[in-house]
Amino acid sequence: MDKRRRLRLPELLRELGALDEGPAALPRDSRIAVGAIIDKADEAGFGAVFALLSLIAIPFFGLSTPFGLGMALGGAQLLLGRQRPWMPRRARARELPLTTLDKVATLLERRTRFLERMTRRRWEWTLFGPARNLVGLGVTLLGLGLALPLPIPGSNLIFLVPLFVYGVGLLERDGLWILAGHLGVCINLALFAAFSGVVIAAVQRLTHC
Protein backbone atom coordinates (compact mmCIF):
# COMPACT_ATOMS: atom_id res chain seq x y z
CA MET A 1 0.00 0.00 0.00
CA ASP A 2 1.18 3.51 -0.73
CA LYS A 3 2.60 4.93 2.52
CA ARG A 4 3.08 8.51 1.40
CA ARG A 5 2.11 11.06 4.02
CA ARG A 6 -1.40 12.42 4.04
CA LEU A 7 -1.48 16.17 4.30
CA ARG A 8 -4.62 17.22 6.10
CA LEU A 9 -6.22 20.44 4.95
CA PRO A 10 -5.68 22.34 8.23
CA GLU A 11 -2.07 21.14 8.32
CA LEU A 12 -1.55 22.25 4.72
CA LEU A 13 -2.75 25.77 5.55
CA ARG A 14 -0.56 25.97 8.64
CA GLU A 15 2.51 24.79 6.74
CA LEU A 16 1.86 27.62 4.31
CA GLY A 17 1.82 30.10 7.21
CA ALA A 18 -1.88 30.56 7.94
CA LEU A 19 -2.66 31.54 11.54
CA ASP A 20 1.04 31.21 12.42
CA GLU A 21 1.84 33.65 15.21
CA GLY A 22 5.25 32.30 16.28
CA PRO A 23 8.59 34.12 16.00
CA ALA A 24 9.12 32.73 12.49
CA ALA A 25 5.64 33.69 11.32
CA LEU A 26 5.27 35.30 7.94
CA PRO A 27 4.14 38.95 7.87
CA ARG A 28 0.36 39.14 7.58
CA ASP A 29 0.71 41.17 4.38
CA SER A 30 2.56 38.30 2.67
CA ARG A 31 1.13 36.58 -0.36
CA ILE A 32 1.24 32.89 -1.31
CA ALA A 33 1.42 31.72 -4.92
CA VAL A 34 -1.26 29.27 -6.04
CA GLY A 35 1.50 27.05 -7.43
CA ALA A 36 3.10 26.83 -3.96
CA ILE A 37 -0.17 25.56 -2.50
CA ILE A 38 -0.46 22.85 -5.14
CA ASP A 39 3.20 21.81 -4.80
CA LYS A 40 2.92 21.60 -1.02
CA ALA A 41 -0.02 19.22 -1.33
CA ASP A 42 2.19 16.86 -3.40
CA GLU A 43 0.21 14.03 -5.03
CA ALA A 44 -3.01 15.30 -3.43
CA GLY A 45 -2.71 18.58 -5.35
CA PHE A 46 -6.13 18.10 -6.93
CA GLY A 47 -7.66 17.78 -3.47
CA ALA A 48 -5.98 20.99 -2.36
CA VAL A 49 -7.32 22.86 -5.40
CA PHE A 50 -10.89 21.66 -4.99
CA ALA A 51 -11.08 22.00 -1.19
CA LEU A 52 -9.39 25.39 -0.93
CA LEU A 53 -11.16 26.99 -3.87
CA SER A 54 -14.49 25.74 -2.53
CA LEU A 55 -13.83 27.23 0.90
CA ILE A 56 -12.56 30.52 -0.51
CA ALA A 57 -15.58 30.85 -2.80
CA ILE A 58 -18.12 30.41 0.02
CA PRO A 59 -17.57 33.72 1.88
CA PHE A 60 -16.46 35.76 -1.15
CA PHE A 61 -19.04 36.79 -3.72
CA GLY A 62 -18.33 36.98 -7.43
CA LEU A 63 -15.91 34.04 -7.54
CA SER A 64 -18.30 31.28 -8.58
CA THR A 65 -17.80 31.58 -12.35
CA PRO A 66 -13.96 31.79 -12.46
CA PHE A 67 -13.50 29.24 -9.69
CA GLY A 68 -16.09 26.95 -11.28
CA LEU A 69 -14.29 27.04 -14.62
CA GLY A 70 -10.96 26.45 -12.85
CA MET A 71 -12.29 23.42 -11.01
CA ALA A 72 -13.89 22.10 -14.19
CA LEU A 73 -10.43 22.30 -15.81
CA GLY A 74 -8.96 20.39 -12.88
CA GLY A 75 -11.71 17.79 -13.08
CA ALA A 76 -11.09 17.32 -16.79
CA GLN A 77 -7.42 16.63 -16.03
CA LEU A 78 -8.40 14.01 -13.46
CA LEU A 79 -10.76 12.51 -16.01
CA LEU A 80 -7.88 12.26 -18.49
CA GLY A 81 -5.65 10.55 -15.95
CA ARG A 82 -3.22 13.29 -14.85
CA GLN A 83 -1.67 12.66 -11.44
CA ARG A 84 -1.07 16.32 -10.58
CA PRO A 85 -2.98 19.40 -11.66
CA TRP A 86 -1.56 21.41 -14.53
CA MET A 87 -2.14 25.14 -14.48
CA PRO A 88 -0.93 27.85 -16.85
CA ARG A 89 2.15 29.66 -15.60
CA ARG A 90 0.18 32.85 -15.00
CA ALA A 91 -2.38 30.94 -12.92
CA ARG A 92 0.37 29.27 -10.85
CA ALA A 93 1.95 32.65 -10.25
CA ARG A 94 -1.35 34.14 -9.08
CA GLU A 95 -0.92 35.10 -5.45
CA LEU A 96 -3.43 34.90 -2.62
CA PRO A 97 -3.07 37.21 0.37
CA LEU A 98 -2.01 35.38 3.51
CA THR A 99 -4.97 37.07 5.20
CA THR A 100 -7.27 35.13 2.84
CA LEU A 101 -5.66 31.85 3.91
CA ASP A 102 -6.09 33.02 7.52
CA LYS A 103 -9.82 33.44 6.89
CA VAL A 104 -10.03 29.99 5.32
CA ALA A 105 -8.06 28.44 8.19
CA THR A 106 -10.35 30.16 10.71
CA LEU A 107 -13.37 28.87 8.81
CA LEU A 108 -11.89 25.38 9.00
CA GLU A 109 -11.21 25.59 12.72
CA ARG A 110 -14.70 26.82 13.51
CA ARG A 111 -16.78 24.71 11.18
CA THR A 112 -14.82 21.64 10.16
CA ARG A 113 -13.21 20.35 13.34
CA PHE A 114 -15.18 17.17 12.78
CA LEU A 115 -12.91 16.40 9.79
CA GLU A 116 -10.20 14.90 11.98
CA ARG A 117 -12.74 12.59 13.61
CA MET A 118 -14.61 11.69 10.43
CA THR A 119 -11.80 11.16 7.93
CA ARG A 120 -9.25 8.39 7.64
CA ARG A 121 -7.62 6.31 4.93
CA ARG A 122 -10.20 3.82 3.70
CA TRP A 123 -11.72 2.44 0.51
CA GLU A 124 -8.77 3.78 -1.46
CA TRP A 125 -9.92 1.87 -4.53
CA THR A 126 -12.09 4.94 -5.20
CA LEU A 127 -8.91 6.98 -5.82
CA PHE A 128 -7.23 4.93 -8.53
CA GLY A 129 -7.81 3.77 -12.08
CA PRO A 130 -11.26 4.20 -13.63
CA ALA A 131 -12.68 5.19 -10.22
CA ARG A 132 -10.33 8.21 -10.19
CA ASN A 133 -11.51 9.13 -13.67
CA LEU A 134 -15.07 9.04 -12.34
CA VAL A 135 -14.09 11.58 -9.68
CA GLY A 136 -12.77 13.77 -12.49
CA LEU A 137 -16.07 13.53 -14.32
CA GLY A 138 -18.00 14.46 -11.19
CA VAL A 139 -15.77 17.47 -10.47
CA THR A 140 -16.03 18.63 -14.08
CA LEU A 141 -19.83 18.56 -13.97
CA LEU A 142 -19.93 20.34 -10.62
CA GLY A 143 -17.43 22.97 -11.76
CA LEU A 144 -19.45 23.73 -14.88
CA GLY A 145 -22.58 23.97 -12.75
CA LEU A 146 -20.84 26.35 -10.35
CA ALA A 147 -19.80 28.56 -13.27
CA LEU A 148 -23.41 29.07 -14.36
CA PRO A 149 -24.95 32.40 -13.31
CA LEU A 150 -28.07 30.81 -11.84
CA PRO A 151 -30.66 33.37 -10.67
CA ILE A 152 -31.21 31.48 -7.40
CA PRO A 153 -29.77 32.87 -4.14
CA GLY A 154 -27.32 30.44 -2.56
CA SER A 155 -27.45 28.08 -5.53
CA ASN A 156 -23.65 27.91 -5.64
CA LEU A 157 -23.67 25.91 -2.39
CA ILE A 158 -25.22 22.88 -4.08
CA PHE A 159 -22.05 22.71 -6.18
CA LEU A 160 -19.50 23.95 -3.62
CA VAL A 161 -20.42 21.43 -0.93
CA PRO A 162 -19.82 18.29 -3.03
CA LEU A 163 -16.71 19.91 -4.56
CA PHE A 164 -15.37 20.44 -1.05
CA VAL A 165 -16.30 16.85 -0.16
CA TYR A 166 -14.37 15.57 -3.20
CA GLY A 167 -11.41 17.73 -2.22
CA VAL A 168 -11.35 16.36 1.33
CA GLY A 169 -11.65 12.81 0.02
CA LEU A 170 -8.65 13.29 -2.25
CA LEU A 171 -6.54 15.04 0.41
CA GLU A 172 -7.39 12.59 3.18
CA ARG A 173 -7.46 9.58 0.84
CA ASP A 174 -10.88 8.73 2.22
CA GLY A 175 -13.06 6.77 -0.16
CA LEU A 176 -16.19 7.29 1.90
CA TRP A 177 -15.98 11.03 1.22
CA ILE A 178 -15.41 10.32 -2.46
CA LEU A 179 -18.62 8.29 -2.56
CA ALA A 180 -20.41 11.15 -0.78
CA GLY A 181 -19.15 13.45 -3.54
CA HIS A 182 -20.62 11.09 -6.12
CA LEU A 183 -23.94 11.27 -4.26
CA GLY A 184 -23.77 15.05 -4.48
CA VAL A 185 -23.30 14.82 -8.25
CA CYS A 186 -26.34 12.55 -8.54
CA ILE A 187 -28.44 15.02 -6.52
CA ASN A 188 -27.31 17.87 -8.77
CA LEU A 189 -28.17 15.90 -11.89
CA ALA A 190 -31.65 15.29 -10.48
CA LEU A 191 -32.02 19.00 -9.77
CA PHE A 192 -30.80 19.77 -13.28
CA ALA A 193 -33.53 17.57 -14.70
CA ALA A 194 -36.14 19.19 -12.47
CA PHE A 195 -35.10 22.77 -13.27
CA SER A 196 -33.74 22.30 -16.78
CA GLY A 197 -35.48 25.45 -18.05
CA VAL A 198 -33.69 27.67 -15.54
CA VAL A 199 -30.35 25.98 -16.28
CA ILE A 200 -30.74 26.37 -20.06
CA ALA A 201 -31.50 30.09 -19.60
CA ALA A 202 -28.37 30.43 -17.44
CA VAL A 203 -26.25 28.70 -20.09
CA GLN A 204 -27.58 31.07 -22.76
CA ARG A 205 -26.82 34.03 -20.52
CA LEU A 206 -23.27 32.81 -19.94
CA THR A 207 -22.57 32.18 -23.64
CA HIS A 208 -23.76 35.66 -24.54
CA CYS A 209 -21.52 37.40 -21.99
C-alpha atoms as a PDB file:
ATOM      1  CA  MET A   1       0.000   0.000   0.000  1.00  0.00           C
ATOM      2  CA  ASP A   2       1.179   3.507  -0.725  1.00  0.00           C
ATOM      3  CA  LYS A   3       2.603   4.929   2.522  1.00  0.00           C
ATOM      4  CA  ARG A   4       3.083   8.512   1.401  1.00  0.00           C
ATOM      5  CA  ARG A   5       2.106  11.064   4.023  1.00  0.00           C
ATOM      6  CA  ARG A   6      -1.396  12.419   4.042  1.00  0.00           C
ATOM      7  CA  LEU A   7      -1.479  16.166   4.305  1.00  0.00           C
ATOM      8  CA  ARG A   8      -4.620  17.220   6.096  1.00  0.00           C
ATOM      9  CA  LEU A   9      -6.224  20.437   4.953  1.00  0.00           C
ATOM     10  CA  PRO A  10      -5.675  22.343   8.228  1.00  0.00           C
ATOM     11  CA  GLU A  11      -2.068  21.138   8.318  1.00  0.00           C
ATOM     12  CA  LEU A  12      -1.554  22.251   4.725  1.00  0.00           C
ATOM     13  CA  LEU A  13      -2.748  25.768   5.548  1.00  0.00           C
ATOM     14  CA  ARG A  14      -0.560  25.975   8.639  1.00  0.00           C
ATOM     15  CA  GLU A  15       2.511  24.791   6.739  1.00  0.00           C
ATOM     16  CA  LEU A  16       1.857  27.624   4.312  1.00  0.00           C
ATOM     17  CA  GLY A  17       1.822  30.097   7.211  1.00  0.00           C
ATOM     18  CA  ALA A  18      -1.882  30.565   7.942  1.00  0.00           C
ATOM     19  CA  LEU A  19      -2.660  31.542  11.540  1.00  0.00           C
ATOM     20  CA  ASP A  20       1.039  31.207  12.423  1.00  0.00           C
ATOM     21  CA  GLU A  21       1.844  33.645  15.209  1.00  0.00           C
ATOM     22  CA  GLY A  22       5.247  32.301  16.276  1.00  0.00           C
ATOM     23  CA  PRO A  23       8.586  34.116  16.000  1.00  0.00           C
ATOM     24  CA  ALA A  24       9.119  32.729  12.487  1.00  0.00           C
ATOM     25  CA  ALA A  25       5.644  33.695  11.321  1.00  0.00           C
ATOM     26  CA  LEU A  26       5.274  35.304   7.936  1.00  0.00           C
ATOM     27  CA  PRO A  27       4.139  38.951   7.873  1.00  0.00           C
ATOM     28  CA  ARG A  28       0.361  39.142   7.575  1.00  0.00           C
ATOM     29  CA  ASP A  29       0.706  41.175   4.384  1.00  0.00           C
ATOM     30  CA  SER A  30       2.560  38.303   2.675  1.00  0.00           C
ATOM     31  CA  ARG A  31       1.132  36.581  -0.363  1.00  0.00           C
ATOM     32  CA  ILE A  32       1.243  32.890  -1.307  1.00  0.00           C
ATOM     33  CA  ALA A  33       1.418  31.725  -4.922  1.00  0.00           C
ATOM     34  CA  VAL A  34      -1.262  29.269  -6.039  1.00  0.00           C
ATOM     35  CA  GLY A  35       1.499  27.053  -7.428  1.00  0.00           C
ATOM     36  CA  ALA A  36       3.103  26.831  -3.961  1.00  0.00           C
ATOM     37  CA  ILE A  37      -0.171  25.563  -2.504  1.00  0.00           C
ATOM     38  CA  ILE A  38      -0.455  22.848  -5.138  1.00  0.00           C
ATOM     39  CA  ASP A  39       3.195  21.806  -4.795  1.00  0.00           C
ATOM     40  CA  LYS A  40       2.921  21.604  -1.015  1.00  0.00           C
ATOM     41  CA  ALA A  41      -0.016  19.222  -1.334  1.00  0.00           C
ATOM     42  CA  ASP A  42       2.193  16.863  -3.395  1.00  0.00           C
ATOM     43  CA  GLU A  43       0.212  14.034  -5.031  1.00  0.00           C
ATOM     44  CA  ALA A  44      -3.008  15.304  -3.431  1.00  0.00           C
ATOM     45  CA  GLY A  45      -2.712  18.578  -5.347  1.00  0.00           C
ATOM     46  CA  PHE A  46      -6.134  18.096  -6.928  1.00  0.00           C
ATOM     47  CA  GLY A  47      -7.659  17.775  -3.475  1.00  0.00           C
ATOM     48  CA  ALA A  48      -5.977  20.990  -2.362  1.00  0.00           C
ATOM     49  CA  VAL A  49      -7.315  22.858  -5.403  1.00  0.00           C
ATOM     50  CA  PHE A  50     -10.894  21.665  -4.986  1.00  0.00           C
ATOM     51  CA  ALA A  51     -11.079  21.996  -1.195  1.00  0.00           C
ATOM     52  CA  LEU A  52      -9.390  25.387  -0.928  1.00  0.00           C
ATOM     53  CA  LEU A  53     -11.157  26.993  -3.865  1.00  0.00           C
ATOM     54  CA  SER A  54     -14.492  25.741  -2.534  1.00  0.00           C
ATOM     55  CA  LEU A  55     -13.826  27.232   0.898  1.00  0.00           C
ATOM     56  CA  ILE A  56     -12.560  30.520  -0.506  1.00  0.00           C
ATOM     57  CA  ALA A  57     -15.584  30.854  -2.801  1.00  0.00           C
ATOM     58  CA  ILE A  58     -18.122  30.413   0.017  1.00  0.00           C
ATOM     59  CA  PRO A  59     -17.569  33.722   1.882  1.00  0.00           C
ATOM     60  CA  PHE A  60     -16.457  35.759  -1.146  1.00  0.00           C
ATOM     61  CA  PHE A  61     -19.036  36.790  -3.722  1.00  0.00           C
ATOM     62  CA  GLY A  62     -18.329  36.975  -7.435  1.00  0.00           C
ATOM     63  CA  LEU A  63     -15.907  34.041  -7.541  1.00  0.00           C
ATOM     64  CA  SER A  64     -18.296  31.278  -8.582  1.00  0.00           C
ATOM     65  CA  THR A  65     -17.797  31.576 -12.347  1.00  0.00           C
ATOM     66  CA  PRO A  66     -13.958  31.794 -12.458  1.00  0.00           C
ATOM     67  CA  PHE A  67     -13.499  29.237  -9.695  1.00  0.00           C
ATOM     68  CA  GLY A  68     -16.088  26.950 -11.278  1.00  0.00           C
ATOM     69  CA  LEU A  69     -14.287  27.038 -14.620  1.00  0.00           C
ATOM     70  CA  GLY A  70     -10.964  26.452 -12.852  1.00  0.00           C
ATOM     71  CA  MET A  71     -12.288  23.422 -11.006  1.00  0.00           C
ATOM     72  CA  ALA A  72     -13.887  22.100 -14.192  1.00  0.00           C
ATOM     73  CA  LEU A  73     -10.429  22.302 -15.806  1.00  0.00           C
ATOM     74  CA  GLY A  74      -8.956  20.387 -12.878  1.00  0.00           C
ATOM     75  CA  GLY A  75     -11.715  17.794 -13.075  1.00  0.00           C
ATOM     76  CA  ALA A  76     -11.088  17.316 -16.790  1.00  0.00           C
ATOM     77  CA  GLN A  77      -7.423  16.631 -16.033  1.00  0.00           C
ATOM     78  CA  LEU A  78      -8.397  14.011 -13.462  1.00  0.00           C
ATOM     79  CA  LEU A  79     -10.757  12.513 -16.014  1.00  0.00           C
ATOM     80  CA  LEU A  80      -7.884  12.263 -18.491  1.00  0.00           C
ATOM     81  CA  GLY A  81      -5.647  10.547 -15.952  1.00  0.00           C
ATOM     82  CA  ARG A  82      -3.224  13.287 -14.850  1.00  0.00           C
ATOM     83  CA  GLN A  83      -1.669  12.664 -11.437  1.00  0.00           C
ATOM     84  CA  ARG A  84      -1.066  16.324 -10.582  1.00  0.00           C
ATOM     85  CA  PRO A  85      -2.979  19.397 -11.662  1.00  0.00           C
ATOM     86  CA  TRP A  86      -1.558  21.411 -14.528  1.00  0.00           C
ATOM     87  CA  MET A  87      -2.140  25.142 -14.477  1.00  0.00           C
ATOM     88  CA  PRO A  88      -0.929  27.851 -16.846  1.00  0.00           C
ATOM     89  CA  ARG A  89       2.147  29.664 -15.605  1.00  0.00           C
ATOM     90  CA  ARG A  90       0.180  32.849 -15.001  1.00  0.00           C
ATOM     91  CA  ALA A  91      -2.377  30.944 -12.922  1.00  0.00           C
ATOM     92  CA  ARG A  92       0.366  29.271 -10.850  1.00  0.00           C
ATOM     93  CA  ALA A  93       1.951  32.653 -10.246  1.00  0.00           C
ATOM     94  CA  ARG A  94      -1.349  34.140  -9.083  1.00  0.00           C
ATOM     95  CA  GLU A  95      -0.923  35.097  -5.453  1.00  0.00           C
ATOM     96  CA  LEU A  96      -3.428  34.897  -2.621  1.00  0.00           C
ATOM     97  CA  PRO A  97      -3.069  37.214   0.371  1.00  0.00           C
ATOM     98  CA  LEU A  98      -2.015  35.377   3.509  1.00  0.00           C
ATOM     99  CA  THR A  99      -4.971  37.068   5.201  1.00  0.00           C
ATOM    100  CA  THR A 100      -7.266  35.125   2.839  1.00  0.00           C
ATOM    101  CA  LEU A 101      -5.659  31.852   3.911  1.00  0.00           C
ATOM    102  CA  ASP A 102      -6.086  33.022   7.519  1.00  0.00           C
ATOM    103  CA  LYS A 103      -9.821  33.443   6.895  1.00  0.00           C
ATOM    104  CA  VAL A 104     -10.034  29.990   5.317  1.00  0.00           C
ATOM    105  CA  ALA A 105      -8.062  28.441   8.189  1.00  0.00           C
ATOM    106  CA  THR A 106     -10.346  30.159  10.706  1.00  0.00           C
ATOM    107  CA  LEU A 107     -13.374  28.865   8.810  1.00  0.00           C
ATOM    108  CA  LEU A 108     -11.889  25.382   8.996  1.00  0.00           C
ATOM    109  CA  GLU A 109     -11.209  25.587  12.721  1.00  0.00           C
ATOM    110  CA  ARG A 110     -14.696  26.820  13.513  1.00  0.00           C
ATOM    111  CA  ARG A 111     -16.776  24.707  11.177  1.00  0.00           C
ATOM    112  CA  THR A 112     -14.821  21.637  10.155  1.00  0.00           C
ATOM    113  CA  ARG A 113     -13.208  20.353  13.336  1.00  0.00           C
ATOM    114  CA  PHE A 114     -15.180  17.174  12.776  1.00  0.00           C
ATOM    115  CA  LEU A 115     -12.914  16.400   9.795  1.00  0.00           C
ATOM    116  CA  GLU A 116     -10.200  14.903  11.983  1.00  0.00           C
ATOM    117  CA  ARG A 117     -12.736  12.590  13.605  1.00  0.00           C
ATOM    118  CA  MET A 118     -14.608  11.687  10.432  1.00  0.00           C
ATOM    119  CA  THR A 119     -11.797  11.159   7.932  1.00  0.00           C
ATOM    120  CA  ARG A 120      -9.250   8.388   7.635  1.00  0.00           C
ATOM    121  CA  ARG A 121      -7.621   6.313   4.928  1.00  0.00           C
ATOM    122  CA  ARG A 122     -10.198   3.817   3.703  1.00  0.00           C
ATOM    123  CA  TRP A 123     -11.716   2.442   0.512  1.00  0.00           C
ATOM    124  CA  GLU A 124      -8.772   3.781  -1.460  1.00  0.00           C
ATOM    125  CA  TRP A 125      -9.918   1.871  -4.526  1.00  0.00           C
ATOM    126  CA  THR A 126     -12.088   4.938  -5.198  1.00  0.00           C
ATOM    127  CA  LEU A 127      -8.908   6.978  -5.818  1.00  0.00           C
ATOM    128  CA  PHE A 128      -7.228   4.929  -8.527  1.00  0.00           C
ATOM    129  CA  GLY A 129      -7.806   3.772 -12.077  1.00  0.00           C
ATOM    130  CA  PRO A 130     -11.259   4.197 -13.625  1.00  0.00           C
ATOM    131  CA  ALA A 131     -12.677   5.192 -10.215  1.00  0.00           C
ATOM    132  CA  ARG A 132     -10.326   8.206 -10.185  1.00  0.00           C
ATOM    133  CA  ASN A 133     -11.509   9.129 -13.668  1.00  0.00           C
ATOM    134  CA  LEU A 134     -15.071   9.039 -12.343  1.00  0.00           C
ATOM    135  CA  VAL A 135     -14.088  11.577  -9.680  1.00  0.00           C
ATOM    136  CA  GLY A 136     -12.767  13.775 -12.487  1.00  0.00           C
ATOM    137  CA  LEU A 137     -16.070  13.529 -14.318  1.00  0.00           C
ATOM    138  CA  GLY A 138     -18.003  14.462 -11.195  1.00  0.00           C
ATOM    139  CA  VAL A 139     -15.772  17.467 -10.474  1.00  0.00           C
ATOM    140  CA  THR A 140     -16.031  18.634 -14.078  1.00  0.00           C
ATOM    141  CA  LEU A 141     -19.827  18.562 -13.971  1.00  0.00           C
ATOM    142  CA  LEU A 142     -19.934  20.343 -10.621  1.00  0.00           C
ATOM    143  CA  GLY A 143     -17.430  22.970 -11.765  1.00  0.00           C
ATOM    144  CA  LEU A 144     -19.453  23.733 -14.877  1.00  0.00           C
ATOM    145  CA  GLY A 145     -22.584  23.972 -12.752  1.00  0.00           C
ATOM    146  CA  LEU A 146     -20.844  26.354 -10.354  1.00  0.00           C
ATOM    147  CA  ALA A 147     -19.799  28.562 -13.274  1.00  0.00           C
ATOM    148  CA  LEU A 148     -23.407  29.069 -14.355  1.00  0.00           C
ATOM    149  CA  PRO A 149     -24.952  32.397 -13.314  1.00  0.00           C
ATOM    150  CA  LEU A 150     -28.066  30.814 -11.841  1.00  0.00           C
ATOM    151  CA  PRO A 151     -30.665  33.371 -10.670  1.00  0.00           C
ATOM    152  CA  ILE A 152     -31.214  31.476  -7.403  1.00  0.00           C
ATOM    153  CA  PRO A 153     -29.768  32.871  -4.138  1.00  0.00           C
ATOM    154  CA  GLY A 154     -27.322  30.440  -2.555  1.00  0.00           C
ATOM    155  CA  SER A 155     -27.448  28.078  -5.529  1.00  0.00           C
ATOM    156  CA  ASN A 156     -23.650  27.913  -5.640  1.00  0.00           C
ATOM    157  CA  LEU A 157     -23.671  25.912  -2.393  1.00  0.00           C
ATOM    158  CA  ILE A 158     -25.224  22.879  -4.076  1.00  0.00           C
ATOM    159  CA  PHE A 159     -22.051  22.709  -6.175  1.00  0.00           C
ATOM    160  CA  LEU A 160     -19.503  23.947  -3.624  1.00  0.00           C
ATOM    161  CA  VAL A 161     -20.424  21.426  -0.928  1.00  0.00           C
ATOM    162  CA  PRO A 162     -19.818  18.290  -3.035  1.00  0.00           C
ATOM    163  CA  LEU A 163     -16.709  19.909  -4.557  1.00  0.00           C
ATOM    164  CA  PHE A 164     -15.368  20.437  -1.048  1.00  0.00           C
ATOM    165  CA  VAL A 165     -16.296  16.848  -0.162  1.00  0.00           C
ATOM    166  CA  TYR A 166     -14.373  15.569  -3.195  1.00  0.00           C
ATOM    167  CA  GLY A 167     -11.409  17.727  -2.216  1.00  0.00           C
ATOM    168  CA  VAL A 168     -11.346  16.364   1.332  1.00  0.00           C
ATOM    169  CA  GLY A 169     -11.655  12.815   0.021  1.00  0.00           C
ATOM    170  CA  LEU A 170      -8.646  13.285  -2.245  1.00  0.00           C
ATOM    171  CA  LEU A 171      -6.545  15.039   0.408  1.00  0.00           C
ATOM    172  CA  GLU A 172      -7.392  12.594   3.176  1.00  0.00           C
ATOM    173  CA  ARG A 173      -7.456   9.578   0.839  1.00  0.00           C
ATOM    174  CA  ASP A 174     -10.876   8.729   2.220  1.00  0.00           C
ATOM    175  CA  GLY A 175     -13.060   6.766  -0.161  1.00  0.00           C
ATOM    176  CA  LEU A 176     -16.194   7.286   1.900  1.00  0.00           C
ATOM    177  CA  TRP A 177     -15.983  11.032   1.221  1.00  0.00           C
ATOM    178  CA  ILE A 178     -15.408  10.315  -2.464  1.00  0.00           C
ATOM    179  CA  LEU A 179     -18.617   8.291  -2.557  1.00  0.00           C
ATOM    180  CA  ALA A 180     -20.409  11.145  -0.781  1.00  0.00           C
ATOM    181  CA  GLY A 181     -19.151  13.450  -3.541  1.00  0.00           C
ATOM    182  CA  HIS A 182     -20.622  11.091  -6.124  1.00  0.00           C
ATOM    183  CA  LEU A 183     -23.936  11.270  -4.262  1.00  0.00           C
ATOM    184  CA  GLY A 184     -23.771  15.053  -4.483  1.00  0.00           C
ATOM    185  CA  VAL A 185     -23.300  14.824  -8.252  1.00  0.00           C
ATOM    186  CA  CYS A 186     -26.343  12.554  -8.543  1.00  0.00           C
ATOM    187  CA  ILE A 187     -28.435  15.020  -6.517  1.00  0.00           C
ATOM    188  CA  ASN A 188     -27.314  17.869  -8.770  1.00  0.00           C
ATOM    189  CA  LEU A 189     -28.168  15.896 -11.893  1.00  0.00           C
ATOM    190  CA  ALA A 190     -31.646  15.285 -10.481  1.00  0.00           C
ATOM    191  CA  LEU A 191     -32.024  19.001  -9.772  1.00  0.00           C
ATOM    192  CA  PHE A 192     -30.797  19.766 -13.278  1.00  0.00           C
ATOM    193  CA  ALA A 193     -33.535  17.570 -14.703  1.00  0.00           C
ATOM    194  CA  ALA A 194     -36.143  19.193 -12.465  1.00  0.00           C
ATOM    195  CA  PHE A 195     -35.104  22.772 -13.274  1.00  0.00           C
ATOM    196  CA  SER A 196     -33.740  22.301 -16.778  1.00  0.00           C
ATOM    197  CA  GLY A 197     -35.480  25.447 -18.051  1.00  0.00           C
ATOM    198  CA  VAL A 198     -33.689  27.671 -15.542  1.00  0.00           C
ATOM    199  CA  VAL A 199     -30.352  25.980 -16.283  1.00  0.00           C
ATOM    200  CA  ILE A 200     -30.739  26.368 -20.061  1.00  0.00           C
ATOM    201  CA  ALA A 201     -31.502  30.087 -19.603  1.00  0.00           C
ATOM    202  CA  ALA A 202     -28.371  30.428 -17.441  1.00  0.00           C
ATOM    203  CA  VAL A 203     -26.251  28.703 -20.094  1.00  0.00           C
ATOM    204  CA  GLN A 204     -27.585  31.073 -22.756  1.00  0.00           C
ATOM    205  CA  ARG A 205     -26.821  34.034 -20.518  1.00  0.00           C
ATOM    206  CA  LEU A 206     -23.271  32.809 -19.938  1.00  0.00           C
ATOM    207  CA  THR A 207     -22.571  32.180 -23.636  1.00  0.00           C
ATOM    208  CA  HIS A 208     -23.764  35.659 -24.542  1.00  0.00           C
ATOM    209  CA  CYS A 209     -21.520  37.396 -21.992  1.00  0.00           C
END
